[in-house]
Amino acid sequence: KEREGVSCIYSRDGSTYYADSVKGRWTISRDNAKNT
């Protein structure tokens, strides 16, 4: 299969996006202090 995007987050304000296939099941988050 082709590579597909499932989620993303913006470093400055934490804005997020989820593909429909994972929405409601998965959560993306960031720790800017750990660059993770």
PDB file of all heavy atoms in Angstrom:
ATOM      1  N   LYS A   1       0.836  -1.202   0.000  1.00  0.00           N
ATOM      2  CA  LYS A   1       0.000   0.000   0.000  1.00  0.00           C
ATOM      3  C   LYS A   1       0.867   1.248   0.000  1.00  0.00           C
ATOM      4  O   LYS A   1       2.038   1.222   0.369  1.00  0.00           O
ATOM      5  CB  LYS A   1      -0.928   0.005   1.213  1.00  0.00           C
ATOM      6  CG  LYS A   1      -1.971  -1.106   1.198  1.00  0.00           C
ATOM      7  CD  LYS A   1      -2.972  -0.929   2.318  1.00  0.00           C
ATOM      8  CE  LYS A   1      -4.055  -2.000   2.256  1.00  0.00           C
ATOM      9  NZ  LYS A   1      -5.074  -1.813   3.324  1.00  0.00           N
ATOM     10  N   GLU A   2       0.249   2.349  -0.391  1.00  0.00           N
ATOM     11  CA  GLU A   2       0.960   3.610  -0.380  1.00  0.00           C
ATOM     12  C   GLU A   2       1.079   4.147   1.051  1.00  0.00           C
ATOM     13  O   GLU A   2       0.278   3.828   1.925  1.00  0.00           O
ATOM     14  CB  GLU A   2       0.225   4.633  -1.254  1.00  0.00           C
ATOM     15  CG  GLU A   2       0.235   4.303  -2.734  1.00  0.00           C
ATOM     16  CD  GLU A   2      -0.370   5.412  -3.562  1.00  0.00           C
ATOM     17  OE1 GLU A   2      -0.893   6.376  -2.991  1.00  0.00           O
ATOM     18  OE2 GLU A   2      -0.301   5.314  -4.802  1.00  0.00           O
ATOM     19  N   ARG A   3       2.088   4.961   1.241  1.00  0.00           N
ATOM     20  CA  ARG A   3       2.253   5.595   2.540  1.00  0.00           C
ATOM     21  C   ARG A   3       1.136   6.625   2.728  1.00  0.00           C
ATOM     22  O   ARG A   3       0.836   7.404   1.830  1.00  0.00           O
ATOM     23  CB  ARG A   3       3.623   6.275   2.611  1.00  0.00           C
ATOM     24  CG  ARG A   3       4.015   6.738   3.990  1.00  0.00           C
ATOM     25  CD  ARG A   3       5.475   7.168   4.031  1.00  0.00           C
ATOM     26  NE  ARG A   3       6.365   6.048   3.726  1.00  0.00           N
ATOM     27  CZ  ARG A   3       7.691   6.111   3.830  1.00  0.00           C
ATOM     28  NH1 ARG A   3       8.272   7.224   4.250  1.00  0.00           N
ATOM     29  NH2 ARG A   3       8.429   5.073   3.525  1.00  0.00           N
ATOM     30  N   GLU A   4       0.529   6.614   3.918  1.00  0.00           N
ATOM     31  CA  GLU A   4      -0.570   7.519   4.198  1.00  0.00           C
ATOM     32  C   GLU A   4      -0.352   8.261   5.504  1.00  0.00           C
ATOM     33  O   GLU A   4       0.244   7.727   6.445  1.00  0.00           O
ATOM     34  CB  GLU A   4      -1.893   6.747   4.258  1.00  0.00           C
ATOM     35  CG  GLU A   4      -1.978   5.740   5.377  1.00  0.00           C
ATOM     36  CD  GLU A   4      -3.366   5.144   5.545  1.00  0.00           C
ATOM     37  OE1 GLU A   4      -4.313   5.653   4.932  1.00  0.00           O
ATOM     38  OE2 GLU A   4      -3.481   4.160   6.302  1.00  0.00           O
ATOM     39  N   GLY A   5      -0.836   9.481   5.558  1.00  0.00           N
ATOM     40  CA  GLY A   5      -0.741  10.259   6.781  1.00  0.00           C
ATOM     41  C   GLY A   5      -1.862   9.918   7.729  1.00  0.00           C
ATOM     42  O   GLY A   5      -3.005   9.731   7.302  1.00  0.00           O
ATOM     43  N   VAL A   6      -1.548   9.833   9.022  1.00  0.00           N
ATOM     44  CA  VAL A   6      -2.578   9.519  10.010  1.00  0.00           C
ATOM     45  C   VAL A   6      -2.799  10.651  11.009  1.00  0.00           C
ATOM     46  O   VAL A   6      -3.908  10.832  11.502  1.00  0.00           O
ATOM     47  CB  VAL A   6      -2.275   8.210  10.765  1.00  0.00           C
ATOM     48  CG1 VAL A   6      -2.301   7.022   9.820  1.00  0.00           C
ATOM     49  CG2 VAL A   6      -0.926   8.287  11.477  1.00  0.00           C
ATOM     50  N   SER A   7      -1.770  11.442  11.304  1.00  0.00           N
ATOM     51  CA  SER A   7      -1.938  12.511  12.265  1.00  0.00           C
ATOM     52  C   SER A   7      -0.766  13.478  12.178  1.00  0.00           C
ATOM     53  O   SER A   7       0.309  13.112  11.704  1.00  0.00           O
ATOM     54  CB  SER A   7      -2.031  11.947  13.687  1.00  0.00           C
ATOM     55  OG  SER A   7      -2.300  12.969  14.626  1.00  0.00           O
ATOM     56  N   CYS A   8      -1.008  14.707  12.611  1.00  0.00           N
ATOM     57  CA  CYS A   8       0.092  15.668  12.653  1.00  0.00           C
ATOM     58  C   CYS A   8      -0.159  16.679  13.766  1.00  0.00           C
ATOM     59  O   CYS A   8      -1.287  16.827  14.248  1.00  0.00           O
ATOM     60  CB  CYS A   8       0.285  16.380  11.318  1.00  0.00           C
ATOM     61  SG  CYS A   8      -1.142  17.318  10.754  1.00  0.00           S
ATOM     62  N   ILE A   9       0.922  17.356  14.136  1.00  0.00           N
ATOM     63  CA  ILE A   9       0.846  18.372  15.182  1.00  0.00           C
ATOM     64  C   ILE A   9       1.793  19.503  14.835  1.00  0.00           C
ATOM     65  O   ILE A   9       2.865  19.279  14.252  1.00  0.00           O
ATOM     66  CB  ILE A   9       1.177  17.757  16.565  1.00  0.00           C
ATOM     67  CG1 ILE A   9       0.863  18.743  17.693  1.00  0.00           C
ATOM     68  CG2 ILE A   9       2.627  17.290  16.637  1.00  0.00           C
ATOM     69  CD1 ILE A   9       0.845  18.073  19.073  1.00  0.00           C
ATOM     70  N   TYR A  10       1.391  20.722  15.172  1.00  0.00           N
ATOM     71  CA  TYR A  10       2.211  21.880  14.888  1.00  0.00           C
ATOM     72  C   TYR A  10       2.944  22.280  16.160  1.00  0.00           C
ATOM     73  O   TYR A  10       2.341  22.354  17.234  1.00  0.00           O
ATOM     74  CB  TYR A  10       1.343  23.030  14.387  1.00  0.00           C
ATOM     75  CG  TYR A  10       2.111  24.240  13.931  1.00  0.00           C
ATOM     76  CD1 TYR A  10       3.131  24.122  12.979  1.00  0.00           C
ATOM     77  CD2 TYR A  10       1.830  25.499  14.442  1.00  0.00           C
ATOM     78  CE1 TYR A  10       3.833  25.239  12.560  1.00  0.00           C
ATOM     79  CE2 TYR A  10       2.527  26.618  14.014  1.00  0.00           C
ATOM     80  CZ  TYR A  10       3.535  26.471  13.075  1.00  0.00           C
ATOM     81  OH  TYR A  10       4.232  27.568  12.647  1.00  0.00           O
ATOM     82  N   SER A  11       4.246  22.527  16.007  1.00  0.00           N
ATOM     83  CA  SER A  11       5.102  22.681  17.183  1.00  0.00           C
ATOM     84  C   SER A  11       4.751  23.900  18.023  1.00  0.00           C
ATOM     85  O   SER A  11       4.869  23.873  19.245  1.00  0.00           O
ATOM     86  CB  SER A  11       6.564  22.757  16.762  1.00  0.00           C
ATOM     87  OG  SER A  11       6.793  23.906  15.945  1.00  0.00           O
ATOM     88  N   ARG A  12       4.343  24.991  17.388  1.00  0.00           N
ATOM     89  CA  ARG A  12       4.164  26.228  18.136  1.00  0.00           C
ATOM     90  C   ARG A  12       2.931  26.211  19.015  1.00  0.00           C
ATOM     91  O   ARG A  12       3.000  26.494  20.206  1.00  0.00           O
ATOM     92  CB  ARG A  12       4.094  27.427  17.197  1.00  0.00           C
ATOM     93  CG  ARG A  12       4.018  28.776  17.929  1.00  0.00           C
ATOM     94  CD  ARG A  12       3.881  29.916  16.981  1.00  0.00           C
ATOM     95  NE  ARG A  12       2.621  29.869  16.241  1.00  0.00           N
ATOM     96  CZ  ARG A  12       2.250  30.760  15.334  1.00  0.00           C
ATOM     97  NH1 ARG A  12       3.054  31.764  15.032  1.00  0.00           N
ATOM     98  NH2 ARG A  12       1.108  30.660  14.721  1.00  0.00           N
ATOM     99  N   ASP A  13       1.780  25.843  18.450  1.00  0.00           N
ATOM    100  CA  ASP A  13       0.542  25.967  19.223  1.00  0.00           C
ATOM    101  C   ASP A  13      -0.144  24.635  19.490  1.00  0.00           C
ATOM    102  O   ASP A  13      -1.205  24.606  20.103  1.00  0.00           O
ATOM    103  CB  ASP A  13      -0.437  26.915  18.531  1.00  0.00           C
ATOM    104  CG  ASP A  13      -0.873  26.413  17.161  1.00  0.00           C
ATOM    105  OD1 ASP A  13      -0.512  25.287  16.779  1.00  0.00           O
ATOM    106  OD2 ASP A  13      -1.583  27.160  16.460  1.00  0.00           O
ATOM    107  N   GLY A  14       0.443  23.542  19.039  1.00  0.00           N
ATOM    108  CA  GLY A  14      -0.127  22.231  19.307  1.00  0.00           C
ATOM    109  C   GLY A  14      -1.346  21.888  18.481  1.00  0.00           C
ATOM    110  O   GLY A  14      -2.046  20.922  18.804  1.00  0.00           O
ATOM    111  N   SER A  15      -1.632  22.637  17.428  1.00  0.00           N
ATOM    112  CA  SER A  15      -2.751  22.295  16.561  1.00  0.00           C
ATOM    113  C   SER A  15      -2.559  20.896  16.012  1.00  0.00           C
ATOM    114  O   SER A  15      -1.439  20.500  15.664  1.00  0.00           O
ATOM    115  CB  SER A  15      -2.847  23.288  15.402  1.00  0.00           C
ATOM    116  OG  SER A  15      -3.099  24.582  15.866  1.00  0.00           O
ATOM    117  N   THR A  16      -3.653  20.154  15.942  1.00  0.00           N
ATOM    118  CA  THR A  16      -3.557  18.760  15.529  1.00  0.00           C
ATOM    119  C   THR A  16      -4.514  18.447  14.383  1.00  0.00           C
ATOM    120  O   THR A  16      -5.471  19.190  14.120  1.00  0.00           O
ATOM    121  CB  THR A  16      -3.861  17.810  16.695  1.00  0.00           C
ATOM    122  OG1 THR A  16      -5.198  18.069  17.161  1.00  0.00           O
ATOM    123  CG2 THR A  16      -2.880  17.992  17.832  1.00  0.00           C
ATOM    124  N   TYR A  17      -4.240  17.341  13.746  1.00  0.00           N
ATOM    125  CA  TYR A  17      -5.100  16.820  12.694  1.00  0.00           C
ATOM    126  C   TYR A  17      -5.055  15.304  12.764  1.00  0.00           C
ATOM    127  O   TYR A  17      -4.008  14.715  13.065  1.00  0.00           O
ATOM    128  CB  TYR A  17      -4.616  17.292  11.318  1.00  0.00           C
ATOM    129  CG  TYR A  17      -5.264  16.534  10.171  1.00  0.00           C
ATOM    130  CD1 TYR A  17      -6.528  16.874   9.734  1.00  0.00           C
ATOM    131  CD2 TYR A  17      -4.610  15.465   9.580  1.00  0.00           C
ATOM    132  CE1 TYR A  17      -7.133  16.159   8.707  1.00  0.00           C
ATOM    133  CE2 TYR A  17      -5.202  14.750   8.553  1.00  0.00           C
ATOM    134  CZ  TYR A  17      -6.463  15.102   8.129  1.00  0.00           C
ATOM    135  OH  TYR A  17      -7.050  14.403   7.120  1.00  0.00           O
ATOM    136  N   TYR A  18      -6.207  14.679  12.496  1.00  0.00           N
ATOM    137  CA  TYR A  18      -6.290  13.217  12.471  1.00  0.00           C
ATOM    138  C   TYR A  18      -7.008  12.767  11.210  1.00  0.00           C
ATOM    139  O   TYR A  18      -8.033  13.346  10.825  1.00  0.00           O
ATOM    140  CB  TYR A  18      -7.058  12.700  13.685  1.00  0.00           C
ATOM    141  CG  TYR A  18      -6.415  13.032  15.002  1.00  0.00           C
ATOM    142  CD1 TYR A  18      -6.784  14.165  15.720  1.00  0.00           C
ATOM    143  CD2 TYR A  18      -5.445  12.197  15.554  1.00  0.00           C
ATOM    144  CE1 TYR A  18      -6.193  14.479  16.932  1.00  0.00           C
ATOM    145  CE2 TYR A  18      -4.848  12.490  16.776  1.00  0.00           C
ATOM    146  CZ  TYR A  18      -5.233  13.638  17.446  1.00  0.00           C
ATOM    147  OH  TYR A  18      -4.646  13.940  18.652  1.00  0.00           O
ATOM    148  N   ALA A  19      -6.489  11.717  10.608  1.00  0.00           N
ATOM    149  CA  ALA A  19      -7.223  11.090   9.526  1.00  0.00           C
ATOM    150  C   ALA A  19      -8.468  10.423  10.093  1.00  0.00           C
ATOM    151  O   ALA A  19      -8.500  10.028  11.266  1.00  0.00           O
ATOM    152  CB  ALA A  19      -6.340  10.057   8.830  1.00  0.00           C
ATOM    153  N   ASP A  20      -9.487  10.292   9.268  1.00  0.00           N
ATOM    154  CA  ASP A  20     -10.737   9.698   9.737  1.00  0.00           C
ATOM    155  C   ASP A  20     -10.541   8.290  10.286  1.00  0.00           C
ATOM    156  O   ASP A  20     -11.248   7.866  11.209  1.00  0.00           O
ATOM    157  CB  ASP A  20     -11.749   9.655   8.584  1.00  0.00           C
ATOM    158  CG  ASP A  20     -12.286  11.033   8.237  1.00  0.00           C
ATOM    159  OD1 ASP A  20     -12.131  11.962   9.055  1.00  0.00           O
ATOM    160  OD2 ASP A  20     -12.854  11.184   7.142  1.00  0.00           O
ATOM    161  N   SER A  21      -9.586   7.565   9.731  1.00  0.00           N
ATOM    162  CA  SER A  21      -9.364   6.174  10.133  1.00  0.00           C
ATOM    163  C   SER A  21      -8.889   6.039  11.574  1.00  0.00           C
ATOM    164  O   SER A  21      -9.010   4.960  12.170  1.00  0.00           O
ATOM    165  CB  SER A  21      -8.363   5.508   9.190  1.00  0.00           C
ATOM    166  OG  SER A  21      -7.143   6.216   9.195  1.00  0.00           O
ATOM    167  N   VAL A  22      -8.339   7.102  12.147  1.00  0.00           N
ATOM    168  CA  VAL A  22      -7.799   7.012  13.512  1.00  0.00           C
ATOM    169  C   VAL A  22      -8.473   7.988  14.470  1.00  0.00           C
ATOM    170  O   VAL A  22      -8.238   7.924  15.681  1.00  0.00           O
ATOM    171  CB  VAL A  22      -6.280   7.236  13.529  1.00  0.00           C
ATOM    172  CG1 VAL A  22      -5.597   6.292  12.543  1.00  0.00           C
ATOM    173  CG2 VAL A  22      -5.913   8.679  13.231  1.00  0.00           C
ATOM    174  N   LYS A  23      -9.305   8.864  13.960  1.00  0.00           N
ATOM    175  CA  LYS A  23      -9.944   9.882  14.791  1.00  0.00           C
ATOM    176  C   LYS A  23     -10.775   9.228  15.886  1.00  0.00           C
ATOM    177  O   LYS A  23     -11.522   8.286  15.647  1.00  0.00           O
ATOM    178  CB  LYS A  23     -10.813  10.781  13.916  1.00  0.00           C
ATOM    179  CG  LYS A  23     -11.249  12.067  14.550  1.00  0.00           C
ATOM    180  CD  LYS A  23     -12.013  12.923  13.554  1.00  0.00           C
ATOM    181  CE  LYS A  23     -11.175  13.313  12.367  1.00  0.00           C
ATOM    182  NZ  LYS A  23     -11.911  14.170  11.407  1.00  0.00           N
ATOM    183  N   GLY A  24     -10.615   9.716  17.089  1.00  0.00           N
ATOM    184  CA  GLY A  24     -11.344   9.165  18.225  1.00  0.00           C
ATOM    185  C   GLY A  24     -10.640   8.003  18.901  1.00  0.00           C
ATOM    186  O   GLY A  24     -11.001   7.617  20.023  1.00  0.00           O
ATOM    187  N   ARG A  25      -9.660   7.415  18.245  1.00  0.00           N
ATOM    188  CA  ARG A  25      -8.913   6.294  18.822  1.00  0.00           C
ATOM    189  C   ARG A  25      -7.511   6.708  19.242  1.00  0.00           C
ATOM    190  O   ARG A  25      -6.961   6.166  20.209  1.00  0.00           O
ATOM    191  CB  ARG A  25      -8.818   5.140  17.827  1.00  0.00           C
ATOM    192  CG  ARG A  25     -10.140   4.555  17.385  1.00  0.00           C
ATOM    193  CD  ARG A  25      -9.926   3.267  16.591  1.00  0.00           C
ATOM    194  NE  ARG A  25      -9.234   3.497  15.328  1.00  0.00           N
ATOM    195  CZ  ARG A  25      -8.192   2.796  14.906  1.00  0.00           C
ATOM    196  NH1 ARG A  25      -7.703   1.824  15.667  1.00  0.00           N
ATOM    197  NH2 ARG A  25      -7.630   3.052  13.729  1.00  0.00           N
ATOM    198  N   TRP A  26      -6.925   7.627  18.510  1.00  0.00           N
ATOM    199  CA  TRP A  26      -5.528   7.982  18.730  1.00  0.00           C
ATOM    200  C   TRP A  26      -5.401   9.444  19.126  1.00  0.00           C
ATOM    201  O   TRP A  26      -6.234  10.276  18.780  1.00  0.00           O
ATOM    202  CB  TRP A  26      -4.725   7.720  17.463  1.00  0.00           C
ATOM    203  CG  TRP A  26      -4.703   6.272  17.055  1.00  0.00           C
ATOM    204  CD1 TRP A  26      -5.362   5.227  17.644  1.00  0.00           C
ATOM    205  CD2 TRP A  26      -4.002   5.730  15.953  1.00  0.00           C
ATOM    206  NE1 TRP A  26      -5.103   4.067  16.972  1.00  0.00           N
ATOM    207  CE2 TRP A  26      -4.267   4.335  15.940  1.00  0.00           C
ATOM    208  CE3 TRP A  26      -3.157   6.255  14.984  1.00  0.00           C
ATOM    209  CZ2 TRP A  26      -3.723   3.484  14.989  1.00  0.00           C
ATOM    210  CZ3 TRP A  26      -2.621   5.419  14.038  1.00  0.00           C
ATOM    211  CH2 TRP A  26      -2.895   4.044  14.040  1.00  0.00           C
ATOM    212  N   THR A  27      -4.272   9.718  19.823  1.00  0.00           N
ATOM    213  CA  THR A  27      -4.001  11.080  20.254  1.00  0.00           C
ATOM    214  C   THR A  27      -2.545  11.416  19.991  1.00  0.00           C
ATOM    215  O   THR A  27      -1.649  10.650  20.384  1.00  0.00           O
ATOM    216  CB  THR A  27      -4.291  11.252  21.757  1.00  0.00           C
ATOM    217  OG1 THR A  27      -5.645  10.895  22.023  1.00  0.00           O
ATOM    218  CG2 THR A  27      -4.060  12.699  22.182  1.00  0.00           C
ATOM    219  N   ILE A  28      -2.321  12.543  19.334  1.00  0.00           N
ATOM    220  CA  ILE A  28      -0.971  13.028  19.113  1.00  0.00           C
ATOM    221  C   ILE A  28      -0.691  14.140  20.115  1.00  0.00           C
ATOM    222  O   ILE A  28      -1.574  14.931  20.441  1.00  0.00           O
ATOM    223  CB  ILE A  28      -0.783  13.522  17.656  1.00  0.00           C
ATOM    224  CG1 ILE A  28       0.681  13.773  17.343  1.00  0.00           C
ATOM    225  CG2 ILE A  28      -1.626  14.757  17.379  1.00  0.00           C
ATOM    226  CD1 ILE A  28       0.959  14.029  15.859  1.00  0.00           C
ATOM    227  N   SER A  29       0.527  14.171  20.628  1.00  0.00           N
ATOM    228  CA  SER A  29       0.907  15.206  21.591  1.00  0.00           C
ATOM    229  C   SER A  29       2.387  15.513  21.433  1.00  0.00           C
ATOM    230  O   SER A  29       3.106  14.793  20.738  1.00  0.00           O
ATOM    231  CB  SER A  29       0.602  14.744  23.018  1.00  0.00           C
ATOM    232  OG  SER A  29       1.343  13.578  23.347  1.00  0.00           O
ATOM    233  N   ARG A  30       2.801  16.569  22.099  1.00  0.00           N
ATOM    234  CA  ARG A  30       4.210  16.965  21.984  1.00  0.00           C
ATOM    235  C   ARG A  30       4.754  17.377  23.322  1.00  0.00           C
ATOM    236  O   ARG A  30       4.016  17.842  24.197  1.00  0.00           O
ATOM    237  CB  ARG A  30       4.359  18.126  20.995  1.00  0.00           C
ATOM    238  CG  ARG A  30       3.946  19.480  21.564  1.00  0.00           C
ATOM    239  CD  ARG A  30       3.683  20.487  20.503  1.00  0.00           C
ATOM    240  NE  ARG A  30       3.618  21.860  20.970  1.00  0.00           N
ATOM    241  CZ  ARG A  30       2.631  22.388  21.666  1.00  0.00           C
ATOM    242  NH1 ARG A  30       1.609  21.650  22.025  1.00  0.00           N
ATOM    243  NH2 ARG A  30       2.658  23.661  22.002  1.00  0.00           N
ATOM    244  N   ASP A  31       6.035  17.215  23.482  1.00  0.00           N
ATOM    245  CA  ASP A  31       6.761  17.732  24.639  1.00  0.00           C
ATOM    246  C   ASP A  31       7.900  18.552  24.058  1.00  0.00           C
ATOM    247  O   ASP A  31       8.944  17.998  23.680  1.00  0.00           O
ATOM    248  CB  ASP A  31       7.271  16.589  25.516  1.00  0.00           C
ATOM    249  CG  ASP A  31       7.936  17.081  26.784  1.00  0.00           C
ATOM    250  OD1 ASP A  31       8.449  18.220  26.794  1.00  0.00           O
ATOM    251  OD2 ASP A  31       7.958  16.325  27.765  1.00  0.00           O
ATOM    252  N   ASN A  32       7.692  19.846  23.955  1.00  0.00           N
ATOM    253  CA  ASN A  32       8.696  20.695  23.311  1.00  0.00           C
ATOM    254  C   ASN A  32      10.014  20.708  24.070  1.00  0.00           C
ATOM    255  O   ASN A  32      11.086  20.860  23.469  1.00  0.00           O
ATOM    256  CB  ASN A  32       8.153  22.109  23.137  1.00  0.00           C
ATOM    257  CG  ASN A  32       7.151  22.212  22.007  1.00  0.00           C
ATOM    258  OD1 ASN A  32       7.006  21.300  21.190  1.00  0.00           O
ATOM    259  ND2 ASN A  32       6.429  23.320  21.954  1.00  0.00           N
ATOM    260  N   ALA A  33       9.953  20.547  25.378  1.00  0.00           N
ATOM    261  CA  ALA A  33      11.191  20.542  26.164  1.00  0.00           C
ATOM    262  C   ALA A  33      12.062  19.344  25.813  1.00  0.00           C
ATOM    263  O   ALA A  33      13.297  19.417  25.892  1.00  0.00           O
ATOM    264  CB  ALA A  33      10.858  20.534  27.650  1.00  0.00           C
ATOM    265  N   LYS A  34      11.414  18.249  25.439  1.00  0.00           N
ATOM    266  CA  LYS A  34      12.154  17.028  25.083  1.00  0.00           C
ATOM    267  C   LYS A  34      12.272  16.864  23.570  1.00  0.00           C
ATOM    268  O   LYS A  34      12.826  15.865  23.104  1.00  0.00           O
ATOM    269  CB  LYS A  34      11.456  15.803  25.667  1.00  0.00           C
ATOM    270  CG  LYS A  34      11.456  15.762  27.180  1.00  0.00           C
ATOM    271  CD  LYS A  34      10.790  14.477  27.686  1.00  0.00           C
ATOM    272  CE  LYS A  34      10.813  14.405  29.199  1.00  0.00           C
ATOM    273  NZ  LYS A  34      10.167  13.169  29.713  1.00  0.00           N
ATOM    274  N   ASN A  35      11.726  17.818  22.810  1.00  0.00           N
ATOM    275  CA  ASN A  35      11.722  17.705  21.347  1.00  0.00           C
ATOM    276  C   ASN A  35      11.178  16.354  20.897  1.00  0.00           C
ATOM    277  O   ASN A  35      11.749  15.693  20.010  1.00  0.00           O
ATOM    278  CB  ASN A  35      13.132  17.916  20.786  1.00  0.00           C
ATOM    279  CG  ASN A  35      13.586  19.360  20.899  1.00  0.00           C
ATOM    280  OD1 ASN A  35      12.768  20.284  20.896  1.00  0.00           O
ATOM    281  ND2 ASN A  35      14.883  19.567  21.018  1.00  0.00           N
ATOM    282  N   THR A  36      10.091  15.955  21.508  1.00  0.00           N
ATOM    283  CA  THR A  36       9.520  14.640  21.232  1.00  0.00           C
ATOM    284  C   THR A  36       8.024  14.766  20.964  1.00  0.00           C
ATOM    285  O   THR A  36       7.332  15.525  21.643  1.00  0.00           O
ATOM    286  CB  THR A  36       9.765  13.684  22.402  1.00  0.00           C
ATOM    287  OG1 THR A  36      11.178  13.549  22.610  1.00  0.00           O
ATOM    288  CG2 THR A  36       9.180  12.304  22.109  1.00  0.00           C
TER     289      THR A  36
END
